[in-house]
N, C-alpha and C. Protein backbone atom coordinates (compact mmCIF):
# COMPACT_ATOMS: atom_id res chain seq x y z
N MET A 1 -48.66 123.98 17.20
CA MET A 1 -47.49 123.43 16.47
C MET A 1 -47.28 121.97 16.87
N SER A 2 -47.25 121.08 15.84
CA SER A 2 -47.13 119.63 16.10
C SER A 2 -45.74 119.29 16.45
N LYS A 3 -45.65 118.30 17.31
CA LYS A 3 -44.32 117.84 17.74
C LYS A 3 -43.69 116.94 16.65
N THR A 4 -42.44 117.11 16.47
CA THR A 4 -41.68 116.17 15.56
C THR A 4 -41.27 114.97 16.34
N PRO A 5 -41.62 113.78 15.91
CA PRO A 5 -41.28 112.59 16.67
C PRO A 5 -39.76 112.35 16.68
N PHE A 6 -39.28 111.85 17.76
CA PHE A 6 -37.87 111.47 17.81
C PHE A 6 -37.62 110.31 16.88
N PRO A 7 -36.37 110.15 16.49
CA PRO A 7 -36.03 109.01 15.58
C PRO A 7 -36.38 107.70 16.26
N GLY A 8 -37.12 106.85 15.54
CA GLY A 8 -37.50 105.58 16.10
C GLY A 8 -38.78 105.56 16.87
N GLN A 9 -39.37 106.81 17.12
CA GLN A 9 -40.60 106.86 17.94
C GLN A 9 -41.77 106.20 17.20
N GLU A 10 -41.87 106.41 15.89
CA GLU A 10 -42.97 105.79 15.11
C GLU A 10 -42.82 104.27 15.10
N ALA A 11 -41.61 103.82 14.92
CA ALA A 11 -41.39 102.36 14.90
C ALA A 11 -41.75 101.74 16.17
N ALA A 12 -41.49 102.48 17.32
CA ALA A 12 -41.79 101.89 18.62
C ALA A 12 -43.30 101.71 18.84
N ALA A 13 -44.10 102.51 18.10
CA ALA A 13 -45.55 102.38 18.27
C ALA A 13 -46.12 101.22 17.50
N LEU A 14 -45.34 100.63 16.64
CA LEU A 14 -45.81 99.51 15.87
C LEU A 14 -45.78 98.23 16.69
N PRO A 15 -46.58 97.19 16.37
CA PRO A 15 -46.55 95.96 17.11
C PRO A 15 -45.16 95.31 17.09
N PRO A 16 -44.70 94.67 18.14
CA PRO A 16 -43.42 94.03 18.15
C PRO A 16 -43.33 92.90 17.10
N ARG A 17 -42.16 92.80 16.50
CA ARG A 17 -42.02 91.84 15.44
C ARG A 17 -41.31 90.57 15.92
N ALA A 18 -41.08 90.42 17.22
CA ALA A 18 -40.55 89.19 17.79
C ALA A 18 -39.27 88.72 17.19
N LEU A 19 -38.36 89.67 16.91
CA LEU A 19 -37.07 89.27 16.37
C LEU A 19 -36.10 89.07 17.51
N ALA A 20 -35.55 87.86 17.59
CA ALA A 20 -34.58 87.58 18.66
C ALA A 20 -33.30 88.36 18.41
N SER A 21 -32.59 88.67 19.47
CA SER A 21 -31.42 89.55 19.38
C SER A 21 -30.27 88.95 18.56
N HIS A 22 -30.18 87.59 18.51
CA HIS A 22 -29.07 86.96 17.85
C HIS A 22 -29.35 86.75 16.35
N PHE A 23 -30.42 87.28 15.80
CA PHE A 23 -30.71 87.21 14.37
C PHE A 23 -30.60 88.62 13.74
N HIS A 24 -30.18 88.69 12.49
CA HIS A 24 -30.07 89.97 11.79
C HIS A 24 -31.45 90.47 11.35
N ASP A 25 -32.32 89.59 10.88
CA ASP A 25 -33.64 89.97 10.44
C ASP A 25 -34.61 88.79 10.60
N LEU A 26 -35.89 89.09 10.28
CA LEU A 26 -36.92 88.06 10.46
C LEU A 26 -36.76 86.89 9.47
N SER A 27 -36.31 87.19 8.27
CA SER A 27 -36.09 86.09 7.31
C SER A 27 -35.07 85.12 7.81
N GLN A 28 -33.98 85.61 8.40
CA GLN A 28 -32.95 84.71 8.95
C GLN A 28 -33.48 83.92 10.10
N GLN A 29 -34.27 84.58 10.94
CA GLN A 29 -34.86 83.85 12.09
C GLN A 29 -35.84 82.77 11.61
N LYS A 30 -36.62 83.06 10.58
CA LYS A 30 -37.56 82.10 10.03
C LYS A 30 -36.81 80.90 9.46
N ALA A 31 -35.71 81.13 8.74
CA ALA A 31 -34.97 80.08 8.17
C ALA A 31 -34.37 79.19 9.23
N ALA A 32 -33.85 79.78 10.31
CA ALA A 32 -33.32 79.01 11.42
C ALA A 32 -34.31 78.18 12.09
N HIS A 33 -35.52 78.71 12.31
CA HIS A 33 -36.62 77.94 12.92
C HIS A 33 -36.98 76.77 12.00
N ASP A 34 -37.09 77.00 10.72
CA ASP A 34 -37.47 75.93 9.82
C ASP A 34 -36.40 74.85 9.78
N LEU A 35 -35.14 75.24 9.73
CA LEU A 35 -34.04 74.26 9.71
C LEU A 35 -34.10 73.37 10.99
N GLY A 36 -34.23 74.03 12.10
CA GLY A 36 -34.27 73.30 13.36
C GLY A 36 -35.42 72.31 13.40
N LEU A 37 -36.60 72.72 12.93
CA LEU A 37 -37.76 71.84 12.94
C LEU A 37 -37.53 70.64 11.97
N TRP A 38 -37.00 70.96 10.78
CA TRP A 38 -36.81 69.86 9.83
C TRP A 38 -35.80 68.85 10.32
N ILE A 39 -34.77 69.31 10.98
CA ILE A 39 -33.80 68.37 11.52
C ILE A 39 -34.44 67.50 12.59
N PHE A 40 -35.24 68.11 13.44
CA PHE A 40 -35.99 67.32 14.48
C PHE A 40 -36.93 66.36 13.83
N LEU A 41 -37.70 66.76 12.82
CA LEU A 41 -38.62 65.85 12.15
C LEU A 41 -37.88 64.71 11.42
N ALA A 42 -36.72 65.01 10.90
CA ALA A 42 -35.94 63.96 10.22
C ALA A 42 -35.53 62.87 11.21
N THR A 43 -35.15 63.28 12.41
CA THR A 43 -34.77 62.27 13.42
C THR A 43 -35.97 61.46 13.85
N GLU A 44 -37.15 62.10 13.92
CA GLU A 44 -38.36 61.36 14.27
C GLU A 44 -38.77 60.43 13.18
N ILE A 45 -38.62 60.81 11.94
CA ILE A 45 -38.95 59.94 10.81
C ILE A 45 -38.03 58.74 10.82
N LEU A 46 -36.73 58.93 11.10
CA LEU A 46 -35.79 57.81 11.22
C LEU A 46 -36.18 56.89 12.30
N PHE A 47 -36.66 57.42 13.44
CA PHE A 47 -37.09 56.59 14.53
C PHE A 47 -38.26 55.73 14.18
N PHE A 48 -39.37 56.36 13.66
CA PHE A 48 -40.50 55.62 13.23
C PHE A 48 -40.17 54.69 12.07
N GLY A 49 -39.22 55.11 11.21
CA GLY A 49 -38.85 54.28 10.08
C GLY A 49 -38.25 52.93 10.58
N GLY A 50 -37.49 52.95 11.65
CA GLY A 50 -37.00 51.68 12.19
C GLY A 50 -38.13 50.73 12.61
N LEU A 51 -39.13 51.31 13.23
CA LEU A 51 -40.31 50.48 13.64
C LEU A 51 -41.05 49.94 12.41
N PHE A 52 -41.22 50.83 11.37
CA PHE A 52 -41.85 50.33 10.15
C PHE A 52 -41.06 49.22 9.48
N ALA A 53 -39.72 49.38 9.48
CA ALA A 53 -38.90 48.35 8.90
C ALA A 53 -39.01 47.03 9.67
N ALA A 54 -39.06 47.13 10.99
CA ALA A 54 -39.25 45.91 11.78
C ALA A 54 -40.54 45.23 11.51
N TYR A 55 -41.58 46.06 11.38
CA TYR A 55 -42.90 45.49 11.05
C TYR A 55 -42.87 44.75 9.70
N LEU A 56 -42.32 45.40 8.71
CA LEU A 56 -42.29 44.77 7.35
C LEU A 56 -41.49 43.47 7.32
N VAL A 57 -40.33 43.46 8.06
CA VAL A 57 -39.49 42.26 8.07
C VAL A 57 -40.26 41.10 8.71
N TYR A 58 -40.84 41.36 9.85
CA TYR A 58 -41.62 40.28 10.54
C TYR A 58 -42.83 39.87 9.74
N ALA A 59 -43.50 40.83 9.09
CA ALA A 59 -44.66 40.52 8.29
C ALA A 59 -44.28 39.60 7.08
N LEU A 60 -43.06 39.86 6.48
CA LEU A 60 -42.59 38.99 5.41
C LEU A 60 -42.19 37.64 5.89
N LEU A 61 -41.65 37.58 7.08
CA LEU A 61 -41.22 36.27 7.62
C LEU A 61 -42.41 35.43 8.12
N HIS A 62 -43.44 36.11 8.68
CA HIS A 62 -44.56 35.41 9.23
C HIS A 62 -45.86 36.03 8.73
N PRO A 63 -46.18 35.95 7.42
CA PRO A 63 -47.34 36.63 6.91
C PRO A 63 -48.65 36.16 7.49
N GLY A 64 -48.78 34.85 7.60
CA GLY A 64 -50.11 34.29 8.13
C GLY A 64 -50.41 34.77 9.54
N PRO A 65 -49.57 34.49 10.52
CA PRO A 65 -49.86 34.94 11.90
C PRO A 65 -49.95 36.46 12.02
N PHE A 66 -49.16 37.19 11.25
CA PHE A 66 -49.20 38.62 11.36
C PHE A 66 -50.52 39.18 10.88
N PHE A 67 -50.99 38.72 9.75
CA PHE A 67 -52.25 39.22 9.24
C PHE A 67 -53.42 38.72 10.07
N GLU A 68 -53.31 37.52 10.62
CA GLU A 68 -54.32 37.06 11.52
C GLU A 68 -54.44 37.96 12.77
N ALA A 69 -53.27 38.36 13.26
CA ALA A 69 -53.27 39.28 14.43
C ALA A 69 -53.79 40.63 14.09
N ALA A 70 -53.47 41.12 12.86
CA ALA A 70 -53.96 42.43 12.45
C ALA A 70 -55.46 42.45 12.30
N ALA A 71 -56.05 41.31 11.98
CA ALA A 71 -57.50 41.25 11.80
C ALA A 71 -58.22 41.42 13.12
N GLU A 72 -57.54 41.33 14.23
CA GLU A 72 -58.16 41.49 15.54
C GLU A 72 -58.21 42.95 16.01
N THR A 73 -57.56 43.85 15.32
CA THR A 73 -57.62 45.28 15.69
C THR A 73 -58.99 45.87 15.44
N GLU A 74 -59.30 46.93 16.17
CA GLU A 74 -60.61 47.58 16.11
C GLU A 74 -60.66 48.51 14.89
N ILE A 75 -61.05 47.96 13.75
CA ILE A 75 -60.94 48.75 12.50
C ILE A 75 -61.91 49.92 12.49
N LEU A 76 -63.06 49.81 13.14
CA LEU A 76 -64.00 50.92 13.10
C LEU A 76 -63.44 52.10 13.85
N ILE A 77 -62.83 51.85 15.07
CA ILE A 77 -62.25 52.97 15.81
C ILE A 77 -61.06 53.54 15.08
N GLY A 78 -60.25 52.63 14.49
CA GLY A 78 -59.06 53.12 13.76
C GLY A 78 -59.46 54.00 12.58
N THR A 79 -60.52 53.62 11.86
CA THR A 79 -60.96 54.37 10.71
C THR A 79 -61.55 55.71 11.13
N ILE A 80 -62.36 55.70 12.22
CA ILE A 80 -62.93 56.94 12.72
C ILE A 80 -61.82 57.89 13.15
N ASN A 81 -60.80 57.34 13.82
CA ASN A 81 -59.70 58.15 14.27
C ASN A 81 -58.90 58.75 13.07
N THR A 82 -58.82 57.97 11.99
CA THR A 82 -58.16 58.50 10.79
C THR A 82 -58.87 59.69 10.24
N ALA A 83 -60.23 59.61 10.21
CA ALA A 83 -61.03 60.77 9.74
C ALA A 83 -60.85 61.97 10.69
N ILE A 84 -60.85 61.70 11.98
CA ILE A 84 -60.70 62.82 12.99
C ILE A 84 -59.32 63.46 12.78
N LEU A 85 -58.30 62.65 12.61
CA LEU A 85 -56.97 63.23 12.53
C LEU A 85 -56.76 64.00 11.22
N LEU A 86 -57.32 63.51 10.11
CA LEU A 86 -57.22 64.21 8.87
C LEU A 86 -57.95 65.55 8.92
N THR A 87 -59.10 65.56 9.61
CA THR A 87 -59.83 66.80 9.75
C THR A 87 -59.09 67.77 10.59
N SER A 88 -58.42 67.28 11.65
CA SER A 88 -57.57 68.19 12.50
C SER A 88 -56.42 68.75 11.69
N GLY A 89 -55.90 67.93 10.75
CA GLY A 89 -54.82 68.42 9.90
C GLY A 89 -55.30 69.56 9.03
N LEU A 90 -56.52 69.49 8.56
CA LEU A 90 -57.11 70.52 7.73
C LEU A 90 -57.26 71.82 8.61
N THR A 91 -57.82 71.72 9.80
CA THR A 91 -57.98 72.87 10.61
C THR A 91 -56.65 73.51 11.01
N ALA A 92 -55.66 72.64 11.23
CA ALA A 92 -54.33 73.17 11.55
C ALA A 92 -53.78 73.96 10.39
N ALA A 93 -53.88 73.41 9.18
CA ALA A 93 -53.40 74.12 8.01
C ALA A 93 -54.13 75.44 7.78
N LEU A 94 -55.43 75.42 8.03
CA LEU A 94 -56.19 76.68 7.89
C LEU A 94 -55.79 77.71 8.97
N ALA A 95 -55.43 77.20 10.17
CA ALA A 95 -54.94 78.12 11.23
C ALA A 95 -53.62 78.77 10.80
N VAL A 96 -52.72 78.01 10.17
CA VAL A 96 -51.46 78.58 9.68
C VAL A 96 -51.76 79.66 8.62
N LYS A 97 -52.68 79.33 7.73
CA LYS A 97 -53.02 80.31 6.68
C LYS A 97 -53.60 81.58 7.31
N ALA A 98 -54.51 81.42 8.27
CA ALA A 98 -55.17 82.55 8.92
C ALA A 98 -54.13 83.37 9.70
N ALA A 99 -53.13 82.73 10.26
CA ALA A 99 -52.05 83.46 11.00
C ALA A 99 -51.28 84.35 10.04
N GLY A 100 -51.00 83.80 8.88
CA GLY A 100 -50.23 84.58 7.84
C GLY A 100 -51.03 85.81 7.39
N GLN A 101 -52.38 85.71 7.48
CA GLN A 101 -53.23 86.85 7.13
C GLN A 101 -53.58 87.72 8.32
N ASN A 102 -53.02 87.38 9.49
CA ASN A 102 -53.24 88.14 10.73
C ASN A 102 -54.70 88.19 11.14
N ARG A 103 -55.43 87.10 10.92
CA ARG A 103 -56.85 86.97 11.27
C ARG A 103 -56.92 86.32 12.66
N HIS A 104 -56.90 87.17 13.67
CA HIS A 104 -56.74 86.72 15.04
C HIS A 104 -57.86 85.78 15.50
N ASP A 105 -59.11 86.19 15.29
CA ASP A 105 -60.27 85.37 15.73
C ASP A 105 -60.30 84.03 15.04
N ALA A 106 -59.98 84.03 13.74
CA ALA A 106 -59.99 82.77 12.99
C ALA A 106 -58.93 81.85 13.49
N VAL A 107 -57.72 82.39 13.85
CA VAL A 107 -56.66 81.54 14.36
C VAL A 107 -57.08 80.88 15.67
N LEU A 108 -57.71 81.66 16.57
CA LEU A 108 -58.13 81.09 17.85
C LEU A 108 -59.15 79.97 17.65
N LEU A 109 -60.11 80.24 16.71
CA LEU A 109 -61.17 79.23 16.49
C LEU A 109 -60.58 77.95 15.90
N LEU A 110 -59.69 78.14 14.90
CA LEU A 110 -59.21 76.95 14.20
C LEU A 110 -58.26 76.14 15.11
N ILE A 111 -57.43 76.80 15.90
CA ILE A 111 -56.58 76.11 16.84
C ILE A 111 -57.43 75.38 17.90
N GLY A 112 -58.47 76.06 18.33
CA GLY A 112 -59.35 75.41 19.31
C GLY A 112 -59.99 74.14 18.78
N ILE A 113 -60.45 74.20 17.49
CA ILE A 113 -61.05 73.00 16.88
C ILE A 113 -60.01 71.91 16.75
N THR A 114 -58.80 72.29 16.33
CA THR A 114 -57.70 71.31 16.22
C THR A 114 -57.47 70.59 17.56
N ILE A 115 -57.43 71.37 18.63
CA ILE A 115 -57.24 70.76 19.98
C ILE A 115 -58.36 69.83 20.32
N LEU A 116 -59.58 70.24 20.09
CA LEU A 116 -60.72 69.37 20.44
C LEU A 116 -60.71 68.12 19.62
N LEU A 117 -60.34 68.16 18.33
CA LEU A 117 -60.25 66.97 17.48
C LEU A 117 -59.13 66.06 18.00
N GLY A 118 -58.00 66.64 18.40
CA GLY A 118 -56.91 65.85 18.93
C GLY A 118 -57.31 65.11 20.20
N LEU A 119 -58.05 65.80 21.07
CA LEU A 119 -58.52 65.20 22.31
C LEU A 119 -59.54 64.09 22.04
N ALA A 120 -60.34 64.28 20.98
CA ALA A 120 -61.31 63.23 20.62
C ALA A 120 -60.58 62.00 20.10
N PHE A 121 -59.47 62.22 19.30
CA PHE A 121 -58.66 61.08 18.88
C PHE A 121 -58.12 60.30 20.04
N LEU A 122 -57.51 61.00 21.01
CA LEU A 122 -56.90 60.32 22.16
C LEU A 122 -57.96 59.65 22.98
N ALA A 123 -59.16 60.20 23.11
CA ALA A 123 -60.20 59.56 23.84
C ALA A 123 -60.63 58.26 23.23
N ALA A 124 -60.82 58.30 21.85
CA ALA A 124 -61.14 57.09 21.13
C ALA A 124 -60.03 56.03 21.20
N LYS A 125 -58.80 56.48 21.15
CA LYS A 125 -57.65 55.56 21.28
C LYS A 125 -57.60 54.95 22.66
N GLY A 126 -57.91 55.71 23.68
CA GLY A 126 -57.96 55.16 25.05
C GLY A 126 -59.06 54.13 25.18
N PHE A 127 -60.20 54.38 24.54
CA PHE A 127 -61.28 53.39 24.59
C PHE A 127 -60.84 52.09 23.81
N GLU A 128 -60.15 52.31 22.71
CA GLU A 128 -59.68 51.16 21.93
C GLU A 128 -58.66 50.35 22.76
N TYR A 129 -57.76 51.01 23.47
CA TYR A 129 -56.85 50.30 24.32
C TYR A 129 -57.58 49.48 25.37
N TRP A 130 -58.62 50.07 25.95
CA TRP A 130 -59.43 49.38 26.97
C TRP A 130 -60.04 48.09 26.34
N LEU A 131 -60.48 48.19 25.12
CA LEU A 131 -61.07 46.99 24.46
C LEU A 131 -59.95 45.94 24.20
N ASP A 132 -58.80 46.43 23.79
CA ASP A 132 -57.69 45.46 23.55
C ASP A 132 -57.31 44.70 24.83
N ILE A 133 -57.23 45.44 25.93
CA ILE A 133 -56.92 44.79 27.24
C ILE A 133 -58.02 43.85 27.60
N HIS A 134 -59.27 44.31 27.42
CA HIS A 134 -60.38 43.42 27.74
C HIS A 134 -60.39 42.11 26.97
N HIS A 135 -59.91 42.20 25.73
CA HIS A 135 -59.84 40.99 24.87
C HIS A 135 -58.48 40.30 25.03
N HIS A 136 -57.67 40.69 25.96
CA HIS A 136 -56.34 40.09 26.24
C HIS A 136 -55.37 40.17 25.07
N LEU A 137 -55.55 41.23 24.31
CA LEU A 137 -54.67 41.41 23.10
C LEU A 137 -53.43 42.26 23.46
N TYR A 138 -52.68 41.72 24.39
CA TYR A 138 -51.35 42.29 24.69
C TYR A 138 -50.38 41.16 24.96
N PRO A 139 -49.15 41.25 24.58
CA PRO A 139 -48.24 40.10 24.56
C PRO A 139 -48.03 39.37 25.87
N THR A 140 -48.12 40.09 27.00
CA THR A 140 -47.85 39.44 28.29
C THR A 140 -49.10 38.84 28.93
N SER A 141 -50.21 38.87 28.23
CA SER A 141 -51.44 38.30 28.78
C SER A 141 -51.33 36.76 28.87
N PRO A 142 -51.64 36.15 29.99
CA PRO A 142 -51.69 34.70 29.99
C PRO A 142 -52.84 34.09 29.21
N ASP A 143 -53.83 34.91 28.86
CA ASP A 143 -54.94 34.45 28.06
C ASP A 143 -54.93 35.04 26.64
N PHE A 144 -53.76 35.30 26.15
CA PHE A 144 -53.63 35.81 24.81
C PHE A 144 -54.35 34.87 23.83
N PRO A 145 -55.30 35.40 22.98
CA PRO A 145 -56.18 34.50 22.25
C PRO A 145 -55.58 33.86 21.01
N LEU A 146 -54.39 34.31 20.53
CA LEU A 146 -53.87 33.77 19.29
C LEU A 146 -52.70 32.81 19.64
N GLU A 147 -52.62 31.70 18.87
CA GLU A 147 -51.63 30.66 19.23
C GLU A 147 -50.25 30.93 18.66
N ALA A 148 -50.18 31.46 17.48
CA ALA A 148 -48.87 31.65 16.78
C ALA A 148 -48.01 32.65 17.54
N PRO A 149 -46.77 32.27 17.83
CA PRO A 149 -45.89 33.25 18.55
C PRO A 149 -45.69 34.57 17.79
N ALA A 150 -45.74 34.50 16.44
CA ALA A 150 -45.55 35.77 15.69
C ALA A 150 -46.69 36.71 15.91
N ALA A 151 -47.86 36.26 16.38
CA ALA A 151 -48.98 37.16 16.64
C ALA A 151 -48.60 38.09 17.76
N LYS A 152 -47.81 37.57 18.75
CA LYS A 152 -47.35 38.43 19.84
C LYS A 152 -46.38 39.54 19.34
N LEU A 153 -45.61 39.18 18.33
CA LEU A 153 -44.72 40.20 17.74
C LEU A 153 -45.58 41.36 17.15
N PHE A 154 -46.65 40.99 16.44
CA PHE A 154 -47.53 42.04 15.92
C PHE A 154 -48.06 42.97 17.01
N TRP A 155 -48.58 42.32 18.06
CA TRP A 155 -49.19 43.12 19.10
C TRP A 155 -48.18 43.93 19.89
N SER A 156 -46.98 43.39 19.98
CA SER A 156 -45.90 44.19 20.59
C SER A 156 -45.64 45.46 19.80
N LEU A 157 -45.54 45.34 18.47
CA LEU A 157 -45.32 46.47 17.63
C LEU A 157 -46.52 47.40 17.65
N TYR A 158 -47.71 46.84 17.67
CA TYR A 158 -48.93 47.65 17.74
C TYR A 158 -48.91 48.57 18.95
N TRP A 159 -48.65 48.02 20.12
CA TRP A 159 -48.63 48.88 21.36
C TRP A 159 -47.52 49.90 21.31
N VAL A 160 -46.34 49.52 20.85
CA VAL A 160 -45.24 50.43 20.81
C VAL A 160 -45.50 51.58 19.80
N MET A 161 -45.95 51.22 18.59
CA MET A 161 -46.09 52.24 17.52
C MET A 161 -47.26 53.18 17.85
N THR A 162 -48.37 52.60 18.22
CA THR A 162 -49.50 53.51 18.55
C THR A 162 -49.28 54.30 19.79
N GLY A 163 -48.57 53.71 20.77
CA GLY A 163 -48.28 54.44 21.98
C GLY A 163 -47.34 55.60 21.71
N LEU A 164 -46.36 55.40 20.90
CA LEU A 164 -45.41 56.50 20.59
C LEU A 164 -46.16 57.59 19.79
N HIS A 165 -47.07 57.14 18.91
CA HIS A 165 -47.85 58.16 18.17
C HIS A 165 -48.72 58.98 19.13
N ALA A 166 -49.32 58.32 20.15
CA ALA A 166 -50.13 59.02 21.08
C ALA A 166 -49.32 60.01 21.91
N VAL A 167 -48.07 59.62 22.22
CA VAL A 167 -47.20 60.55 22.94
C VAL A 167 -46.93 61.79 22.10
N HIS A 168 -46.65 61.58 20.83
CA HIS A 168 -46.40 62.72 19.94
C HIS A 168 -47.61 63.61 19.82
N MET A 169 -48.77 62.98 19.79
CA MET A 169 -50.00 63.78 19.70
C MET A 169 -50.21 64.60 20.97
N THR A 170 -49.91 63.99 22.10
CA THR A 170 -50.05 64.75 23.39
C THR A 170 -49.10 65.94 23.40
N VAL A 171 -47.87 65.72 22.93
CA VAL A 171 -46.92 66.88 22.83
C VAL A 171 -47.47 67.94 21.92
N GLY A 172 -47.96 67.50 20.76
CA GLY A 172 -48.58 68.49 19.77
C GLY A 172 -49.74 69.27 20.41
N LEU A 173 -50.59 68.58 21.13
CA LEU A 173 -51.71 69.27 21.77
C LEU A 173 -51.25 70.28 22.82
N GLY A 174 -50.21 69.91 23.54
CA GLY A 174 -49.63 70.88 24.50
C GLY A 174 -49.09 72.10 23.78
N ILE A 175 -48.45 71.91 22.65
CA ILE A 175 -47.91 73.04 21.90
C ILE A 175 -49.04 73.91 21.40
N TRP A 176 -50.07 73.33 20.90
CA TRP A 176 -51.22 74.08 20.39
C TRP A 176 -51.88 74.84 21.53
N ALA A 177 -51.99 74.21 22.72
CA ALA A 177 -52.66 74.90 23.82
C ALA A 177 -51.87 76.12 24.27
N VAL A 178 -50.54 76.01 24.29
CA VAL A 178 -49.69 77.18 24.66
C VAL A 178 -49.83 78.30 23.60
N ILE A 179 -49.81 77.92 22.33
CA ILE A 179 -49.92 78.92 21.30
C ILE A 179 -51.29 79.59 21.34
N TRP A 180 -52.35 78.79 21.58
CA TRP A 180 -53.71 79.36 21.67
C TRP A 180 -53.77 80.40 22.76
N GLU A 181 -53.22 80.11 23.95
CA GLU A 181 -53.25 81.04 25.07
C GLU A 181 -52.41 82.27 24.76
N MET A 182 -51.24 82.08 24.16
CA MET A 182 -50.41 83.24 23.79
C MET A 182 -51.11 84.10 22.76
N ALA A 183 -51.77 83.48 21.78
CA ALA A 183 -52.53 84.26 20.79
C ALA A 183 -53.71 84.98 21.40
N ARG A 184 -54.39 84.36 22.36
CA ARG A 184 -55.54 85.01 23.04
C ARG A 184 -55.06 86.24 23.76
N ARG A 185 -53.89 86.18 24.36
CA ARG A 185 -53.34 87.32 25.06
C ARG A 185 -52.61 88.30 24.15
N ARG A 186 -52.56 87.95 22.86
CA ARG A 186 -51.88 88.78 21.89
C ARG A 186 -50.42 89.04 22.27
N ASN A 187 -49.74 87.98 22.69
CA ASN A 187 -48.33 88.09 23.12
C ASN A 187 -47.35 88.15 21.97
N PHE A 188 -47.83 87.88 20.75
CA PHE A 188 -46.97 87.94 19.58
C PHE A 188 -47.76 88.31 18.39
N SER A 189 -47.06 88.78 17.35
CA SER A 189 -47.70 89.17 16.13
C SER A 189 -47.86 87.94 15.25
N LEU A 190 -49.12 87.66 14.88
CA LEU A 190 -49.38 86.42 14.09
C LEU A 190 -48.66 86.40 12.77
N SER A 191 -48.68 87.54 12.08
CA SER A 191 -48.13 87.52 10.70
C SER A 191 -46.58 87.50 10.70
N ASP A 192 -45.95 87.96 11.79
CA ASP A 192 -44.48 88.02 11.85
C ASP A 192 -43.86 86.83 12.57
N ASN A 193 -44.66 86.03 13.25
CA ASN A 193 -44.12 84.99 14.10
C ASN A 193 -44.33 83.62 13.48
N SER A 194 -43.38 82.72 13.71
CA SER A 194 -43.43 81.43 13.09
C SER A 194 -44.03 80.36 13.99
N ARG A 195 -44.51 80.70 15.19
CA ARG A 195 -44.97 79.68 16.11
C ARG A 195 -46.11 78.86 15.50
N VAL A 196 -47.12 79.48 14.96
CA VAL A 196 -48.26 78.76 14.39
C VAL A 196 -47.82 77.87 13.23
N ARG A 197 -46.99 78.38 12.40
CA ARG A 197 -46.54 77.63 11.21
C ARG A 197 -45.73 76.41 11.63
N ILE A 198 -44.85 76.53 12.62
CA ILE A 198 -44.02 75.42 13.04
C ILE A 198 -44.88 74.37 13.75
N ALA A 199 -45.85 74.82 14.53
CA ALA A 199 -46.78 73.88 15.17
C ALA A 199 -47.58 73.10 14.11
N GLY A 200 -47.94 73.82 13.04
CA GLY A 200 -48.72 73.19 11.94
C GLY A 200 -47.86 72.12 11.25
N LEU A 201 -46.54 72.40 11.05
CA LEU A 201 -45.69 71.41 10.44
C LEU A 201 -45.53 70.15 11.33
N TYR A 202 -45.41 70.38 12.66
CA TYR A 202 -45.28 69.26 13.56
C TYR A 202 -46.58 68.45 13.51
N TRP A 203 -47.74 69.07 13.49
CA TRP A 203 -49.01 68.36 13.45
C TRP A 203 -49.16 67.60 12.11
N ALA A 204 -48.65 68.15 11.04
CA ALA A 204 -48.69 67.42 9.78
C ALA A 204 -47.86 66.12 9.86
N PHE A 205 -46.75 66.21 10.58
CA PHE A 205 -45.89 65.05 10.81
C PHE A 205 -46.70 63.92 11.58
N VAL A 206 -47.41 64.36 12.62
CA VAL A 206 -48.26 63.43 13.38
C VAL A 206 -49.31 62.79 12.48
N ASP A 207 -49.95 63.57 11.61
CA ASP A 207 -50.90 63.04 10.66
C ASP A 207 -50.27 62.05 9.72
N LEU A 208 -49.09 62.37 9.19
CA LEU A 208 -48.42 61.54 8.24
C LEU A 208 -48.08 60.16 8.84
N MET A 209 -47.58 60.15 10.11
CA MET A 209 -47.27 58.92 10.75
C MET A 209 -48.47 58.00 10.93
N TRP A 210 -49.64 58.63 11.26
CA TRP A 210 -50.80 57.81 11.35
C TRP A 210 -51.25 57.25 10.05
N LEU A 211 -51.07 57.97 8.98
CA LEU A 211 -51.46 57.46 7.65
C LEU A 211 -50.61 56.26 7.23
N PHE A 212 -49.47 56.06 7.86
CA PHE A 212 -48.70 54.82 7.68
C PHE A 212 -49.19 53.76 8.65
N LEU A 213 -49.52 54.09 9.85
CA LEU A 213 -49.92 53.17 10.88
C LEU A 213 -51.31 52.54 10.55
N TRP A 214 -52.18 53.36 10.05
CA TRP A 214 -53.56 52.85 9.81
C TRP A 214 -53.60 51.63 8.83
N PRO A 215 -53.02 51.71 7.66
CA PRO A 215 -53.07 50.53 6.78
C PRO A 215 -52.25 49.36 7.34
N LEU A 216 -51.11 49.66 8.01
CA LEU A 216 -50.27 48.53 8.46
C LEU A 216 -50.97 47.79 9.59
N LEU A 217 -51.56 48.51 10.52
CA LEU A 217 -52.15 47.85 11.73
C LEU A 217 -53.58 47.50 11.60
N TYR A 218 -54.35 48.13 10.77
CA TYR A 218 -55.79 47.90 10.70
C TYR A 218 -56.26 47.24 9.39
N LEU A 219 -55.64 47.56 8.29
CA LEU A 219 -56.14 47.08 7.00
C LEU A 219 -55.44 45.81 6.52
N ALA A 220 -54.19 45.56 7.04
CA ALA A 220 -53.40 44.48 6.47
C ALA A 220 -54.06 43.12 6.64
N GLY A 221 -54.72 42.90 7.79
CA GLY A 221 -55.37 41.61 8.01
C GLY A 221 -56.73 41.46 7.36
N ARG A 222 -57.16 42.46 6.65
CA ARG A 222 -58.49 42.44 6.01
C ARG A 222 -58.41 42.64 4.51
N ALA A 223 -57.25 42.48 3.94
CA ALA A 223 -57.06 42.72 2.52
C ALA A 223 -57.90 41.74 1.68
N GLY A 224 -58.06 40.54 2.17
CA GLY A 224 -58.84 39.57 1.44
C GLY A 224 -60.29 39.61 1.73
């Protein structure tokens, strides 16, 4: 004679759906996560927007020195890094899609590739910074090679903008690393949890900011 399961016994055997106690259902939890992330990203866009506005104002006031200074950036490294970051954006998006389909091995692989590409970007950026310092292309250098004072404004913005972008990338890589380890241990259900999707949105923001930085800092001085 088979045993009749107690009420809720079958549901308890199912994988946990990671619903926090203060939410009524998963759809409400998902909406709250999305809202929180979009508010955060909006503040970050406003922050970077102020830097972009400062760049454009100074570029309009001092176009010659600004574009002369921009021509000194390492365009080859900047372009390679653009390709690396766009590729990592693709693998991140595919990881989000694979998570929605509950493809565990694919998620681990794609997040791992995203992390490796992000590390490659930071390594190339570190080498570029070393070249910039070697060529005295920083505003406080006594041997700064450009005469126009506005050129120092460009390089001040260059270091601040790319440095902040690198910080955001480092944060994103940390998030991906934590999610990869949690997914490896199967600490959450991929299809029911928004961790991978939210990390993907944050990484898309990092990609988007670089797509503004690349033409402003690397291509502007080479338009002619």
